[in-house]
């Protein structure tokens, strides 16, 4: 047998050692993954990852100088006898009746006190803890210093609580030695429920064929060959497969050397965590797809959403009212002064909708005025078709965002898209009310034309007054007024007729200009309203969806680190 010093040197220079820093980075990446995915993915898909993070944190905080190895097996496999033989003490009860014991026994090579915190965390009762320190002066026992050997309950116990305890302990130990016997080494429960679950833990799994002393050398080789075949089918290719016997100390040599190597390496805990990380990351791989060409809400989808929200917000009615208001105000400012009063008696289309166009603060202003409460408008309420269009467009945003990523994210994206639907009506109404429709300032030419119309009207009134004065003079028998002539037309007549005709002509000439201005005002208002509505859609629908997509991107990045080796 090699000396202890040689075995330690070989263990410390092994090429397959787990880098503790890299393992820590992978665990931290898994924590980041859970932090960003917890709000969005089903809890059931994250249980194993949460369990691993919690267990890894607990194990790494405890003694790194101890290696916890569990002997697991079925009733009659002889694992308790093997436990006693390795400890060279009678510590665990041996029997063939089921169940023999429902609690784990622990044997610690070295002082018990440093291992107590670790055993408390594992859950081994104090009265079931034993120490193998009396013989540590010998070379054989000193090589196992730091070993914590557990004898687990039978995994096939008739007591359900025993099986639950086995499953719990198997998730906490650093290495598992599966003890099988020649009669039940092919047991379906052993392979399906347990061994296949350890396919990612081949570095910390050992299988021993116990009670090999009952077989001939030839039969032992045959059974070991068949056992290795079954293990390969379980995905455990290459795990150490040893023949042992508790009754013949010489048949424990290979197992003891394996344990000594494990203890010397001080790597079992790290390898177990690394294997669990591999297993968990493989399970989580289904939640993260390959990098997509586009995992974003595209412009066409946002435009569809804007169309639906604009209809629901009454944008068509507002732009039509804006066009009418422009025409109404233009005629009121540039028409005949004699009929302006009549025009002003008609209600302004925008004011009829309770849209204040005087001094409107920008919809996205940051000052207190913009944030102040805004009176509700009188824009028509959306009908059933418009509400349905909004719902379909919101769903389209979620569906488009979910298209390039795994389906498991679809419910989260749909929920995010609909998370603020209840706030949309008020937000849209406020957006319409706060949008500057470009109607607050009067065009300069309105003032100029209005003054011109006043001048023409004054001229017509002056001419009329002059003619009436001449008529009155004639009625009174006074000398007739001598009207200045313009050609053959008296000046008063020219002023009256010219003022009236030029006023009518000016109004007629301005009508196409007013109509063109009204159309421009309509287009400008529609653009500004759609911009406001688009921002509402981005804030209330697209932004929550992008939060989920951002979480997905962070999760993909974190999982890439978890899966790196």
Protein backbone atom coordinates (compact mmCIF):
# COMPACT_ATOMS: atom_id res chain seq x y z
CA UNK A 1 0.00 0.00 0.00
CA UNK A 2 1.34 3.43 -0.89
CA UNK A 3 2.31 5.74 1.90
CA UNK A 4 -0.07 8.45 3.06
CA UNK A 5 2.25 11.20 1.80
CA UNK A 6 2.30 9.72 -1.72
CA UNK A 7 -1.48 9.44 -1.83
CA UNK A 8 -1.94 13.07 -0.73
CA UNK A 9 0.54 14.30 -3.36
CA UNK A 10 -1.30 12.43 -6.12
CA UNK A 11 -4.63 13.79 -4.96
CA UNK A 12 -3.45 17.39 -4.84
CA UNK A 13 -1.88 17.24 -8.31
CA UNK A 14 -4.88 15.60 -10.01
CA UNK A 15 -5.91 17.13 -13.32
CA UNK A 16 -9.64 16.86 -12.65
CA UNK A 17 -9.79 19.12 -9.61
CA UNK A 18 -12.73 21.51 -9.35
CA UNK A 19 -11.76 25.18 -9.26
CA UNK A 20 -13.42 26.62 -6.15
CA UNK A 21 -13.48 30.17 -7.59
CA UNK A 22 -15.11 29.05 -10.81
CA UNK A 23 -17.64 27.02 -8.85
CA UNK A 24 -18.45 30.09 -6.76
CA UNK A 25 -18.93 32.15 -9.93
CA UNK A 26 -21.32 29.53 -11.30
CA UNK A 27 -23.31 29.51 -8.06
CA UNK A 28 -23.50 33.30 -8.05
CA UNK A 29 -24.67 33.20 -11.66
CA UNK A 30 -27.39 30.73 -10.66
CA UNK A 31 -28.47 33.13 -7.90
CA UNK A 32 -28.69 35.93 -10.48
CA UNK A 33 -30.69 33.67 -12.74
CA UNK A 34 -33.18 32.94 -9.96
CA UNK A 35 -33.38 36.58 -8.94
CA UNK A 36 -34.46 37.71 -12.41
CA UNK A 37 -36.67 34.71 -13.25
CA UNK A 38 -38.52 34.22 -9.96
CA UNK A 39 -41.22 36.79 -10.81
CA UNK A 40 -41.88 35.27 -14.23
CA UNK A 41 -41.29 31.49 -14.36
CA UNK A 42 -43.40 28.80 -12.63
CA UNK A 43 -42.16 27.96 -9.13
CA UNK A 44 -42.06 24.25 -9.92
CA UNK A 45 -39.39 24.76 -12.57
CA UNK A 46 -37.12 26.58 -10.13
CA UNK A 47 -37.43 24.40 -7.02
CA UNK A 48 -34.33 22.33 -7.76
CA UNK A 49 -32.26 25.47 -8.43
CA UNK A 50 -33.42 27.15 -5.22
CA UNK A 51 -32.68 23.98 -3.26
CA UNK A 52 -29.19 23.78 -4.74
CA UNK A 53 -28.38 27.42 -3.99
CA UNK A 54 -29.51 27.01 -0.40
CA UNK A 55 -27.67 23.70 0.05
CA UNK A 56 -24.49 24.99 -1.60
CA UNK A 57 -24.45 28.04 0.64
CA UNK A 58 -24.87 25.87 3.72
CA UNK A 59 -22.25 23.32 2.71
CA UNK A 60 -19.59 25.82 1.65
CA UNK A 61 -20.02 27.72 4.90
CA UNK A 62 -19.18 24.59 6.89
CA UNK A 63 -15.99 22.55 7.29
CA UNK A 64 -14.02 22.03 4.09
CA UNK A 65 -11.68 19.68 5.96
CA UNK A 66 -14.34 16.98 6.24
CA UNK A 67 -15.71 14.76 3.51
CA UNK A 68 -19.19 13.31 4.01
CA UNK A 69 -19.59 9.87 2.43
CA UNK A 70 -22.88 7.98 2.65
CA UNK A 71 -23.40 4.22 2.41
CA UNK A 72 -26.76 3.74 0.70
CA UNK A 73 -28.48 0.51 -0.14
CA UNK A 74 -31.51 -1.71 0.22
CA UNK A 75 -32.48 -4.09 2.99
CA UNK A 76 -30.13 -7.07 3.15
CA UNK A 77 -27.38 -5.45 1.08
CA UNK A 78 -25.06 -5.49 4.10
CA UNK A 79 -24.32 -1.78 4.18
CA UNK A 80 -24.53 -1.61 8.00
CA UNK A 81 -22.06 -4.52 8.24
CA UNK A 82 -19.85 -2.72 5.74
CA UNK A 83 -20.13 0.46 7.82
CA UNK A 84 -19.02 -1.39 10.94
CA UNK A 85 -16.21 -3.13 9.07
CA UNK A 86 -14.83 0.14 7.72
CA UNK A 87 -15.03 1.73 11.16
CA UNK A 88 -13.66 -1.49 12.73
CA UNK A 89 -16.25 -0.96 15.44
CA UNK A 90 -19.79 -2.21 15.92
CA UNK A 91 -21.64 1.10 15.56
CA UNK A 92 -24.71 0.48 13.41
CA UNK A 93 -27.25 -2.30 14.17
CA UNK A 94 -27.20 -5.20 11.74
CA UNK A 95 -30.28 -7.24 10.89
CA UNK A 96 -32.39 -8.71 8.14
CA UNK A 97 -35.81 -7.67 9.41
CA UNK A 98 -37.38 -4.62 7.83
CA UNK A 99 -36.85 -1.89 8.85
CA UNK A 100 -33.63 -2.19 10.79
CA UNK A 101 -33.27 1.54 11.56
CA UNK A 102 -34.89 4.76 10.45
CA UNK A 103 -32.06 7.15 11.29
CA UNK A 104 -28.57 7.66 9.97
CA UNK A 105 -25.45 6.72 11.93
CA UNK A 106 -22.23 8.69 11.53
CA UNK A 107 -18.62 7.79 12.21
CA UNK A 108 -16.06 10.60 12.22
CA UNK A 109 -12.36 9.94 11.69
CA UNK A 110 -10.70 12.58 13.82
CA UNK A 111 -12.03 14.84 16.59
CA UNK A 112 -15.82 14.97 16.75
CA UNK A 113 -16.16 18.62 17.74
CA UNK A 114 -15.06 20.20 14.41
CA UNK A 115 -17.54 17.95 12.57
CA UNK A 116 -20.50 18.63 14.86
CA UNK A 117 -21.72 21.71 12.96
CA UNK A 118 -21.58 19.75 9.73
CA UNK A 119 -23.51 16.86 11.28
CA UNK A 120 -26.05 19.29 12.73
CA UNK A 121 -26.59 20.69 9.24
CA UNK A 122 -26.94 17.19 7.79
CA UNK A 123 -29.35 16.25 10.56
CA UNK A 124 -27.62 13.32 12.26
CA UNK A 125 -28.78 12.98 15.86
CA UNK A 126 -26.04 13.50 18.48
CA UNK A 127 -26.61 10.05 19.94
CA UNK A 128 -25.96 8.51 16.52
CA UNK A 129 -22.53 10.16 16.12
CA UNK A 130 -19.39 8.12 16.78
CA UNK A 131 -15.70 8.89 16.67
CA UNK A 132 -12.87 6.77 15.29
CA UNK A 133 -9.98 8.52 17.02
CA UNK A 134 -8.45 5.82 19.20
CA UNK A 135 -6.52 4.24 16.36
CA UNK A 136 -5.46 7.39 14.53
CA UNK A 137 -1.85 6.76 15.44
CA UNK A 138 -1.80 4.01 12.85
CA UNK A 139 -1.10 4.88 9.25
CA UNK A 140 -4.24 3.20 7.89
CA UNK A 141 -6.61 5.21 10.07
CA UNK A 142 -4.71 8.48 9.73
CA UNK A 143 -5.31 8.33 5.98
CA UNK A 144 -9.05 8.63 6.65
CA UNK A 145 -8.77 11.60 8.98
CA UNK A 146 -11.54 14.05 8.03
CA UNK A 147 -13.91 11.32 6.77
CA UNK A 148 -17.51 11.46 7.96
CA UNK A 149 -19.06 8.11 7.05
CA UNK A 150 -22.85 7.78 7.17
CA UNK A 151 -24.91 4.60 7.29
CA UNK A 152 -28.28 5.57 5.76
CA UNK A 153 -31.64 3.88 6.33
CA UNK A 154 -32.79 1.37 3.70
CA UNK A 155 -34.19 3.14 0.65
CA UNK A 156 -36.67 0.29 0.16
CA UNK A 157 -37.93 0.40 3.73
CA UNK A 158 -41.61 -0.33 4.32
CA UNK A 159 -41.65 2.83 6.41
CA UNK A 160 -42.33 5.85 4.19
CA UNK A 161 -40.53 8.15 6.62
CA UNK A 162 -37.34 6.11 6.18
CA UNK A 163 -37.39 6.58 2.41
CA UNK A 164 -38.03 10.30 2.84
CA UNK A 165 -35.02 10.50 5.18
CA UNK A 166 -32.84 8.69 2.64
CA UNK A 167 -33.87 11.10 -0.12
CA UNK A 168 -33.13 14.08 2.12
CA UNK A 169 -29.69 12.82 3.14
CA UNK A 170 -28.71 11.89 -0.41
CA UNK A 171 -29.15 15.55 -1.33
CA UNK A 172 -26.73 16.70 1.38
CA UNK A 173 -23.76 14.33 1.35
CA UNK A 174 -20.57 14.86 -0.65
CA UNK A 175 -20.20 11.31 -2.02
CA UNK A 176 -22.44 8.25 -2.19
CA UNK A 177 -21.28 4.64 -2.03
CA UNK A 178 -24.11 2.48 -3.33
CA UNK A 179 -24.07 -0.95 -1.69
CA UNK A 180 -25.71 -3.73 -3.70
CA UNK A 181 -25.76 -7.47 -3.19
CA UNK A 182 -25.55 -10.32 -5.74
CA UNK A 183 -29.29 -11.02 -5.49
CA UNK A 184 -30.73 -7.50 -5.95
CA UNK A 185 -28.09 -5.54 -7.84
CA UNK A 186 -30.50 -5.20 -10.77
CA UNK A 187 -33.43 -3.96 -8.67
CA UNK A 188 -35.62 -1.66 -10.76
CA UNK A 189 -36.27 0.80 -7.91
CA UNK A 190 -32.54 1.14 -7.28
CA UNK A 191 -31.76 1.95 -10.89
CA UNK A 192 -34.82 3.96 -11.92
CA UNK A 193 -35.45 5.96 -8.77
CA UNK A 194 -31.88 6.49 -7.60
CA UNK A 195 -28.90 5.58 -9.76
CA UNK A 196 -30.23 7.24 -12.90
CA UNK A 197 -30.70 10.44 -10.93
CA UNK A 198 -26.95 10.46 -10.24
CA UNK A 199 -25.85 10.48 -13.88
CA UNK A 200 -24.42 13.98 -13.45
CA UNK A 201 -22.59 12.91 -10.26
CA UNK A 202 -20.32 10.20 -11.59
CA UNK A 203 -17.31 11.87 -9.95
CA UNK A 204 -18.81 11.36 -6.48
CA UNK A 205 -20.49 7.98 -7.01
CA UNK A 206 -19.09 4.57 -6.16
CA UNK A 207 -20.94 1.26 -6.53
CA UNK A 208 -19.81 -1.75 -4.51
CA UNK A 209 -20.96 -5.32 -4.96
CA UNK A 210 -21.09 -6.41 -1.32
CA UNK A 211 -21.17 -9.97 -0.01
CA UNK A 212 -18.89 -10.96 -2.88
CA UNK A 213 -17.41 -13.62 -0.61
CA UNK A 214 -20.49 -15.71 -1.37
CA UNK A 215 -19.50 -15.91 -5.03
CA UNK A 216 -16.67 -17.59 -6.78
CA UNK A 217 -14.11 -15.47 -8.54
CA UNK A 218 -15.66 -16.27 -11.91
CA UNK A 219 -19.17 -15.48 -10.74
CA UNK A 220 -17.98 -12.24 -9.16
CA UNK A 221 -16.51 -11.11 -12.47
CA UNK A 222 -19.73 -12.05 -14.28
CA UNK A 223 -21.88 -10.12 -11.81
CA UNK A 224 -19.58 -7.09 -11.91
CA UNK A 225 -19.68 -7.11 -15.72
CA UNK A 226 -23.47 -7.20 -15.72
CA UNK A 227 -23.59 -4.52 -13.04
CA UNK A 228 -21.38 -2.24 -15.14
CA UNK A 229 -23.69 -2.80 -18.10
CA UNK A 230 -26.69 -1.72 -16.05
CA UNK A 231 -24.80 1.32 -14.79
CA UNK A 232 -23.95 2.32 -18.35
CA UNK A 233 -27.65 2.16 -19.18
CA UNK A 234 -28.23 4.43 -16.20
CA UNK A 235 -25.74 6.95 -17.56
CA UNK A 236 -23.10 6.11 -14.97
CA UNK A 237 -20.38 4.96 -17.32
CA UNK A 238 -16.98 4.85 -15.68
CA UNK A 239 -18.04 4.99 -12.03
CA UNK A 240 -15.84 2.80 -9.78
CA UNK A 241 -17.40 -0.64 -9.36
CA UNK A 242 -15.82 -2.70 -6.57
CA UNK A 243 -16.37 -6.10 -5.00
CA UNK A 244 -16.45 -6.03 -1.18
CA UNK A 245 -17.20 -8.19 1.81
CA UNK A 246 -17.61 -7.14 5.41
CA UNK A 247 -16.54 -10.59 6.56
CA UNK A 248 -13.20 -10.57 4.78
CA UNK A 249 -11.08 -7.49 5.58
CA UNK A 250 -8.92 -8.11 2.56
CA UNK A 251 -11.90 -7.44 0.29
CA UNK A 252 -12.24 -3.90 1.71
CA UNK A 253 -8.84 -2.74 0.49
CA UNK A 254 -10.05 -1.16 -2.76
CA UNK A 255 -12.92 0.60 -1.05
CA UNK A 256 -10.67 1.96 1.71
CA UNK A 257 -8.16 3.20 -0.86
CA UNK A 258 -10.98 4.90 -2.74
CA UNK A 259 -12.12 6.59 0.47
CA UNK A 260 -8.55 7.59 1.34
CA UNK A 261 -8.12 9.17 -2.09
CA UNK A 262 -11.40 11.05 -1.70
CA UNK A 263 -10.42 12.33 1.75
CA UNK A 264 -6.97 13.38 0.58
CA UNK A 265 -8.30 15.34 -2.40
CA UNK A 266 -10.76 17.39 -0.33
CA UNK A 267 -12.73 17.72 -3.57
CA UNK A 268 -15.83 15.63 -3.01
CA UNK A 269 -17.97 18.54 -1.75
CA UNK A 270 -16.95 20.73 -4.69
CA UNK A 271 -17.46 17.92 -7.20
CA UNK A 272 -20.89 17.18 -5.77
CA UNK A 273 -21.92 20.82 -6.10
CA UNK A 274 -20.44 21.02 -9.59
CA UNK A 275 -22.36 17.91 -10.61
CA UNK A 276 -25.57 19.28 -9.14
CA UNK A 277 -24.98 22.53 -11.00
CA UNK A 278 -24.62 20.59 -14.24
CA UNK A 279 -27.85 18.74 -13.56
CA UNK A 280 -29.80 21.85 -12.60
CA UNK A 281 -28.45 23.87 -15.53
CA UNK A 282 -29.50 21.09 -17.91
CA UNK A 283 -33.01 21.27 -16.48
CA UNK A 284 -33.07 25.06 -16.78
CA UNK A 285 -31.79 24.95 -20.37
CA UNK A 286 -35.38 24.47 -21.53
CA UNK A 287 -36.26 27.91 -20.14
CA UNK A 288 -33.61 29.68 -22.21
CA UNK A 289 -33.31 29.37 -25.97
CA UNK A 290 -30.42 30.30 -28.23
CA UNK A 291 -29.81 34.01 -28.89
CA UNK A 292 -32.58 35.18 -31.18
CA UNK A 293 -32.16 37.52 -34.10
CA UNK A 294 -34.78 39.75 -32.47
CA UNK A 295 -36.25 39.37 -29.01
CA UNK A 296 -37.91 42.79 -28.99
CA UNK A 297 -41.27 44.35 -29.79
CA UNK A 298 -41.01 45.49 -33.40
CA UNK A 299 -42.29 48.77 -34.82
CA UNK A 300 -45.11 47.18 -36.80
CA UNK A 301 -46.57 45.69 -33.61
CA UNK A 302 -46.24 49.01 -31.77
CA UNK A 303 -47.93 50.74 -34.72
CA UNK A 304 -50.80 48.25 -34.55
CA UNK A 305 -51.11 48.93 -30.84
CA UNK A 306 -51.09 52.68 -31.46
CA UNK A 307 -53.87 52.34 -34.05
CA UNK A 308 -56.05 50.46 -31.58
CA UNK A 309 -55.33 52.85 -28.71
CA UNK A 310 -55.94 55.86 -30.93
CA UNK A 311 -59.36 54.54 -31.83
CA UNK A 312 -60.14 53.82 -28.19
CA UNK A 313 -58.92 57.28 -27.12
CA UNK A 314 -61.18 59.02 -29.63
CA UNK A 315 -58.34 60.41 -31.72
CA UNK A 316 -60.45 60.38 -34.95
CA UNK A 317 -63.11 62.51 -33.24
CA UNK A 318 -60.48 64.91 -31.87
CA UNK A 319 -58.69 65.40 -35.21
CA UNK A 320 -62.02 65.99 -36.91
CA UNK A 321 -62.89 68.51 -34.21
CA UNK A 322 -59.48 70.14 -34.70
CA UNK A 323 -60.15 70.56 -38.41
CA UNK A 324 -63.56 72.03 -37.68
CA UNK A 325 -62.16 74.29 -34.98
CA UNK A 326 -59.53 75.64 -37.33
CA UNK A 327 -62.15 76.41 -39.96
CA UNK A 328 -64.48 77.86 -37.34
CA UNK A 329 -61.81 80.16 -35.91
CA UNK A 330 -60.38 81.13 -39.29
CA UNK A 331 -63.78 82.27 -40.58
CA UNK A 332 -64.50 84.00 -37.30
CA UNK A 333 -61.27 85.98 -37.64
CA UNK A 334 -61.17 86.61 -41.39
CA UNK A 335 -64.84 86.80 -42.38
CA UNK A 336 -67.10 89.80 -42.58
CA UNK A 337 -67.12 91.60 -39.25
CA UNK A 338 -70.90 91.89 -39.59
CA UNK A 339 -71.33 88.10 -39.42
CA UNK A 340 -68.43 87.29 -37.07
CA UNK A 341 -70.67 87.68 -34.10
CA UNK A 342 -73.05 85.11 -35.57
CA UNK A 343 -70.12 82.74 -36.19
CA UNK A 344 -68.91 83.14 -32.63
CA UNK A 345 -72.30 82.11 -31.33
CA UNK A 346 -71.66 78.64 -32.71
CA UNK A 347 -69.83 76.29 -30.29
CA UNK A 348 -66.13 75.67 -30.92
CA UNK A 349 -65.75 71.94 -31.87
CA UNK A 350 -62.69 71.49 -29.60
CA UNK A 351 -64.21 73.28 -26.64
CA UNK A 352 -67.30 71.15 -27.06
CA UNK A 353 -65.00 68.18 -26.28
CA UNK A 354 -63.63 70.08 -23.24
CA UNK A 355 -60.23 70.30 -24.86
CA UNK A 356 -58.53 73.48 -23.69
CA UNK A 357 -56.24 74.72 -26.42
CA UNK A 358 -55.05 77.82 -24.59
CA UNK A 359 -51.73 77.37 -22.78
CA UNK A 360 -51.71 73.56 -22.83
CA UNK A 361 -48.63 72.11 -21.12
CA UNK A 362 -46.73 69.50 -23.15
CA UNK A 363 -47.88 65.97 -22.40
CA UNK A 364 -44.38 64.85 -21.37
CA UNK A 365 -43.33 67.97 -19.45
CA UNK A 366 -41.50 67.32 -16.19
CA UNK A 367 -42.72 70.37 -14.29
CA UNK A 368 -45.42 70.42 -11.66
CA UNK A 369 -47.91 71.97 -14.06
CA UNK A 370 -47.72 68.98 -16.37
CA UNK A 371 -48.19 66.63 -13.44
CA UNK A 372 -51.21 68.51 -12.10
CA UNK A 373 -54.67 66.91 -12.37
CA UNK A 374 -56.28 67.35 -15.77
CA UNK A 375 -60.07 67.59 -16.20
CA UNK A 376 -61.61 64.76 -18.16
CA UNK A 377 -62.48 65.37 -21.76
CA UNK A 378 -65.82 64.75 -23.44
CA UNK A 379 -64.30 62.50 -26.09
CA UNK A 380 -66.77 59.70 -26.96
CA UNK A 381 -66.35 56.48 -24.99
CA UNK A 382 -64.89 53.56 -26.98
CA UNK A 383 -67.39 51.07 -28.30
CA UNK A 384 -67.17 47.29 -28.03
CA UNK A 385 -65.27 46.93 -31.30
CA UNK A 386 -62.64 49.46 -30.24
CA UNK A 387 -62.20 47.77 -26.84
CA UNK A 388 -61.82 44.43 -28.58
CA UNK A 389 -59.22 45.91 -30.93
CA UNK A 390 -57.20 47.13 -27.93
CA UNK A 391 -57.32 43.68 -26.33
CA UNK A 392 -56.19 42.00 -29.55
CA UNK A 393 -53.37 44.49 -30.04
CA UNK A 394 -52.14 44.03 -26.48
CA UNK A 395 -52.13 40.28 -27.01
CA UNK A 396 -50.26 40.78 -30.29
CA UNK A 397 -47.52 42.66 -28.41
CA UNK A 398 -47.12 39.75 -26.00
CA UNK A 399 -47.24 37.15 -28.79
CA UNK A 400 -44.69 39.01 -30.89
CA UNK A 401 -42.33 39.33 -27.94
CA UNK A 402 -42.76 35.65 -27.08
CA UNK A 403 -42.18 34.38 -30.62
CA UNK A 404 -38.36 34.07 -30.54
CA UNK A 405 -38.04 32.77 -26.95
CA UNK A 406 -39.16 29.54 -25.21
CA UNK A 407 -42.89 29.06 -24.66
CA UNK A 408 -42.46 28.97 -20.88
CA UNK A 409 -42.09 32.77 -20.95
CA UNK A 410 -45.34 33.35 -22.86
CA UNK A 411 -47.61 33.52 -19.77
CA UNK A 412 -45.29 36.05 -18.12
CA UNK A 413 -45.20 38.20 -21.25
CA UNK A 414 -48.97 38.04 -21.63
CA UNK A 415 -49.46 38.96 -17.97
CA UNK A 416 -46.98 41.83 -18.30
CA UNK A 417 -48.72 43.19 -21.40
CA UNK A 418 -52.08 43.16 -19.58
CA UNK A 419 -50.76 44.29 -16.20
CA UNK A 420 -51.76 47.95 -16.66
CA UNK A 421 -54.83 47.62 -18.87
CA UNK A 422 -56.98 49.06 -16.11
CA UNK A 423 -54.97 52.30 -16.19
CA UNK A 424 -55.19 52.74 -19.95
CA UNK A 425 -58.52 54.65 -20.21
CA UNK A 426 -57.47 57.39 -17.79
CA UNK A 427 -53.95 57.54 -19.23
CA UNK A 428 -55.30 57.90 -22.78
CA UNK A 429 -57.78 60.59 -21.76
CA UNK A 430 -55.01 62.51 -19.98
CA UNK A 431 -52.74 62.12 -23.00
CA UNK A 432 -55.40 63.56 -25.32
CA UNK A 433 -56.16 66.39 -22.89
CA UNK A 434 -52.49 67.31 -22.45
CA UNK A 435 -51.49 67.11 -26.10
CA UNK A 436 -50.76 70.45 -27.74
CA UNK A 437 -52.88 70.36 -30.87
CA UNK A 438 -51.15 73.43 -32.32
CA UNK A 439 -54.29 75.56 -32.02
CA UNK A 440 -53.19 77.90 -29.25
CA UNK A 441 -51.59 80.52 -31.52
CA UNK A 442 -53.46 82.56 -34.13
CA UNK A 443 -51.77 82.71 -37.56
CA UNK A 444 -50.51 86.21 -38.45
CA UNK A 445 -52.40 86.30 -41.72
CA UNK A 446 -55.68 85.94 -39.86
CA UNK A 447 -54.99 89.28 -38.18
CA UNK A 448 -53.96 90.93 -41.44
CA UNK A 449 -57.02 89.67 -43.31
CA UNK A 450 -59.24 90.58 -40.41
CA UNK A 451 -57.96 94.16 -40.48
CA UNK A 452 -58.44 94.25 -44.24
CA UNK A 453 -62.01 93.03 -43.84
CA UNK A 454 -62.60 95.73 -41.27
CA UNK A 455 -61.24 98.35 -43.65
CA UNK A 456 -63.51 97.07 -46.45
CA UNK A 457 -66.45 97.04 -44.09
CA UNK A 458 -65.68 100.54 -42.88
CA UNK A 459 -65.45 101.67 -46.51
CA UNK A 460 -68.82 100.08 -47.28
CA UNK A 461 -70.40 101.61 -44.19
CA UNK A 462 -68.85 104.99 -45.02
CA UNK A 463 -70.21 104.81 -48.56
CA UNK A 464 -73.62 103.78 -47.30
CA UNK A 465 -73.62 106.56 -44.75
CA UNK A 466 -72.59 109.07 -47.38
CA UNK A 467 -75.41 107.97 -49.71
CA UNK A 468 -77.93 108.06 -46.88
CA UNK A 469 -76.79 111.54 -45.96
CA UNK A 470 -77.38 112.69 -49.58
CA UNK A 471 -80.81 111.07 -49.56
CA UNK A 472 -81.74 112.85 -46.32
CA UNK A 473 -80.54 116.13 -47.72
CA UNK A 474 -82.77 115.71 -50.74
CA UNK A 475 -85.73 114.83 -48.53
CA UNK A 476 -85.22 118.03 -46.59
CA UNK A 477 -85.11 120.06 -49.81
CA UNK A 478 -81.60 121.15 -49.20
CA UNK A 479 -79.07 121.50 -51.97
CA UNK A 480 -77.92 118.13 -53.15
CA UNK A 481 -74.51 116.91 -52.11
CA UNK A 482 -71.92 116.95 -54.79
CA UNK A 483 -70.44 113.42 -54.75
CA UNK A 484 -66.94 112.95 -55.98
CA UNK A 485 -66.88 110.82 -59.08
CA UNK A 486 -64.61 107.93 -59.95
CA UNK A 487 -65.13 107.71 -63.62
CA UNK A 488 -68.88 107.65 -64.00
CA UNK A 489 -69.47 106.12 -60.52
CA UNK A 490 -70.04 108.26 -57.45
CA UNK A 491 -67.44 107.68 -54.77
CA UNK A 492 -69.99 106.72 -52.03
CA UNK A 493 -71.50 104.15 -54.34
CA UNK A 494 -68.06 102.84 -55.18
CA UNK A 495 -67.20 102.61 -51.48
CA UNK A 496 -70.40 100.76 -50.67
CA UNK A 497 -70.44 98.35 -53.58
CA UNK A 498 -66.66 97.93 -53.66
CA UNK A 499 -66.45 97.26 -49.92
CA UNK A 500 -69.20 94.67 -50.09
CA UNK A 501 -67.99 92.98 -53.26
CA UNK A 502 -64.33 92.97 -52.24
CA UNK A 503 -65.28 91.56 -48.82
CA UNK A 504 -67.26 88.76 -50.49
CA UNK A 505 -64.48 88.14 -53.00
CA UNK A 506 -61.82 88.08 -50.27
CA UNK A 507 -63.86 85.59 -48.24
CA UNK A 508 -64.33 83.41 -51.33
CA UNK A 509 -60.64 83.55 -52.19
CA UNK A 510 -59.69 82.67 -48.63
CA UNK A 511 -62.00 79.64 -48.40
CA UNK A 512 -59.55 77.22 -50.16
CA UNK A 513 -56.72 78.61 -48.04
CA UNK A 514 -58.75 78.07 -44.87
CA UNK A 515 -59.63 74.55 -45.96
CA UNK A 516 -55.99 73.75 -46.67
CA UNK A 517 -54.99 75.16 -43.29
CA UNK A 518 -57.71 73.08 -41.62
CA UNK A 519 -56.35 69.95 -43.28
CA UNK A 520 -52.83 70.81 -42.12
CA UNK A 521 -54.15 71.41 -38.61
CA UNK A 522 -55.90 68.04 -38.74
CA UNK A 523 -52.72 66.26 -39.88
CA UNK A 524 -50.60 68.02 -37.26
CA UNK A 525 -53.08 67.18 -34.50
CA UNK A 526 -53.25 63.56 -35.61
CA UNK A 527 -49.48 63.22 -35.56
CA UNK A 528 -49.19 64.75 -32.10
CA UNK A 529 -52.06 62.73 -30.70
CA UNK A 530 -50.66 59.51 -32.12
CA UNK A 531 -47.29 60.34 -30.60
CA UNK A 532 -48.95 60.87 -27.20
CA UNK A 533 -50.98 57.68 -27.57
CA UNK A 534 -47.84 55.78 -28.64
CA UNK A 535 -46.06 56.88 -25.49
CA UNK A 536 -49.00 55.71 -23.40
CA UNK A 537 -48.85 52.35 -25.15
CA UNK A 538 -45.11 52.11 -24.61
CA UNK A 539 -45.44 52.96 -20.93
CA UNK A 540 -48.46 50.80 -20.11
CA UNK A 541 -48.03 47.84 -22.47
CA UNK A 542 -44.62 47.71 -24.12
CA UNK A 543 -42.51 48.73 -21.10
CA UNK A 544 -43.77 45.86 -18.86
CA UNK A 545 -43.15 43.45 -21.73
CA UNK A 546 -39.64 44.81 -22.18
CA UNK A 547 -39.00 44.28 -18.48
CA UNK A 548 -39.72 40.59 -18.97
CA UNK A 549 -37.55 40.49 -22.10
CA UNK A 550 -34.75 42.19 -20.20
CA UNK A 551 -35.10 39.62 -17.43
CA UNK A 552 -34.94 36.90 -20.08
CA UNK A 553 -31.72 38.38 -21.52
CA UNK A 554 -30.15 38.57 -18.06
CA UNK A 555 -31.27 35.03 -17.29
CA UNK A 556 -29.75 33.76 -20.55
CA UNK A 557 -26.47 35.47 -19.73
CA UNK A 558 -26.44 34.08 -16.18
CA UNK A 559 -27.28 30.55 -17.31
CA UNK A 560 -24.43 30.69 -19.82
CA UNK A 561 -22.08 31.28 -16.90
CA UNK A 562 -23.72 28.48 -14.88
CA UNK A 563 -23.20 26.02 -17.74
CA UNK A 564 -19.59 27.02 -18.33
CA UNK A 565 -17.01 24.53 -17.09
